Amino acid sequence: MAKKRQIAGLERRWLLNYVGVITLLVFGIVVAVIVSFAVYYDTNMRSGLEIKARTTTDFFSNYISQSYNEYYQSCIKFAQSFEEKDVLELQFISTDGKLVASSFGQWAARSPSTPDIAQAVETQHIAVFKGVNPSTGERIMAVSSPMIYTNGEVIGVLRYVTSLKNADLQVLMLALITATVGLLIVGSNFFLSSFFIRSILEPVAQINATAKRIAAGSYGVQIQTGYNDEIGELAETINDMSVKIGQAEKTQAEFISSVSHELRTPLTAISGWSETLLSSGTLDQETRRGMLIISREAKRLTGMVEELLEFTRMQDGRFTLNVEPADLLAEFEDTVFMYGSRLRQDGITLEYDGCDEEIPEVPCDIARMRQVFLNILDNAAKHGGEGKRIDASIACEDSCVVVRIRDYGPGIPEQELPLVKKKFYKGSSKARGSGIGLAVCEEIVTMHGGTLTLENAQGGGTLVTISIPTREK
């Protein structure tokens, strides 16, 4: 089933702010046109009936001076000869509301009971009724004109009645036509607006996707666009930025690689001669202490240089794995045993929770995985060593080998957790280091198809979890 497209972001804002306003405006115009036509039609019909009633009353005033019987006969005769009986009903009604004559026949209907009759008798002016006929349930308009005797007495009411069925139908037809036109306008506006906004959103989405790739480290990638407007200018600016960042990254990597290689030779010499002098046994205590410091710092610098070299290999794509089936459990236990001895010299206890179940051989680069284990243990000692304890465990969970290493130090500030695996990031930690060890570790674990996560453990300290699949993905 096709995935329903979600309208969001700029498109949603555009549709709400522009198309929404146009829709409301068109809706208002449609309502105004319908109401105006209905009022105009109603006013014209009312005015026409009032004029006709007034004219007929004036004409019929000649018969009012006759006797009532003659007047009655004149009313019947006039009603019978009424020419517009197809569209109008002419009624003559007595002052007590009884139907005297009708153009539909003398007793075509029951005596009407609408209020316009009594109002015309009472006010001696034309009265209008618009609504439902109580006798038939039909919507009508009625105009009642009082017939006044020479002494000023009202002797009857001349009443025109017309059905509003055709008028309502015409108003309904106009409403449907106007609403249809309004919907076509709104639909066309929506279609054109969607086409317009997509012509902006599609290149913006392309620019956004490329910018994310640049932010993720794909420096030098270019946005392909043929626009000669502000969007094209933005794309060219980002392309230029991408090229310059790529050049800067390349220069940085080359510089780091060159310096690292240059440092390895003197560091190897310093480490070798310091070891030679320490093993000679001819040094006094103070000199021996100084040589130990030189040897330790040379080893630390050598480790940093190796990390920098690993980093440059990652940057230029020379970072590869030599994958073969290996006993990851035995390798991890050897690493823990070896590093545990070193930690005891610093007063830190390494607690290892052995694995009772058998863990199958895992396809991996065993040297790289040893590098990951040592780096994580070293980080735990440097950043959480004040807790004087490190826990390590390994287990097989859901077709993955899961290694957990926890220290009991101060932990990592919550705002820094998403950043600690980024290259050169050291945060608020005061421990010495290059800041790329975790970045290298994550790259190694990711290349094995696994995951490396850091989180603050309950009760304090940092928990690092490494998960490696037991089969190649």
Foldseek 3Di string as FASTA:
>chain_A
DDDDDDQDDPRVVCCCPPLVVLLVVLVVVLVVVLVVVLVVVVVVVVVVQQVVQVVVLVVLLVCLPDDPVSSLVVVAVCLCPDPVVVFKKKFKAFLVQATSQIVCGRPNDGRFDDCQSNVCQVVQAKGWDFQAGPRPRFTKIKIWHFRAHPVGHGGIIIMMMGGCPVVVVVSVVSSVVSVVVSVVVSVVVSVVSVVVVCVVVVLVVQLVVVVVVLVVPPAQDARDDDDPDPSVVVRVVVNVVSPVVVVVVVVVLVVLQVVLVVLVVVLVVLLVVLVVVLVPPPDDDVVVVVSVVSNVVSVVVNVQSVLSNLVSCVNVVVNDWDWDWDQLLVLLVVLLVVVQVVLVVVQAHEAEDEEPDDDGTATGRSVLVSLLSNLVVVCLCQAQVVQSYKYWYWDQDPQKIKIKIWGARAFDPPVCQVPQLPAQDDPPDPGDHRSNSSVSSQVRLVVQVWGWHWDADPPHTIMIMTIGGRYGD
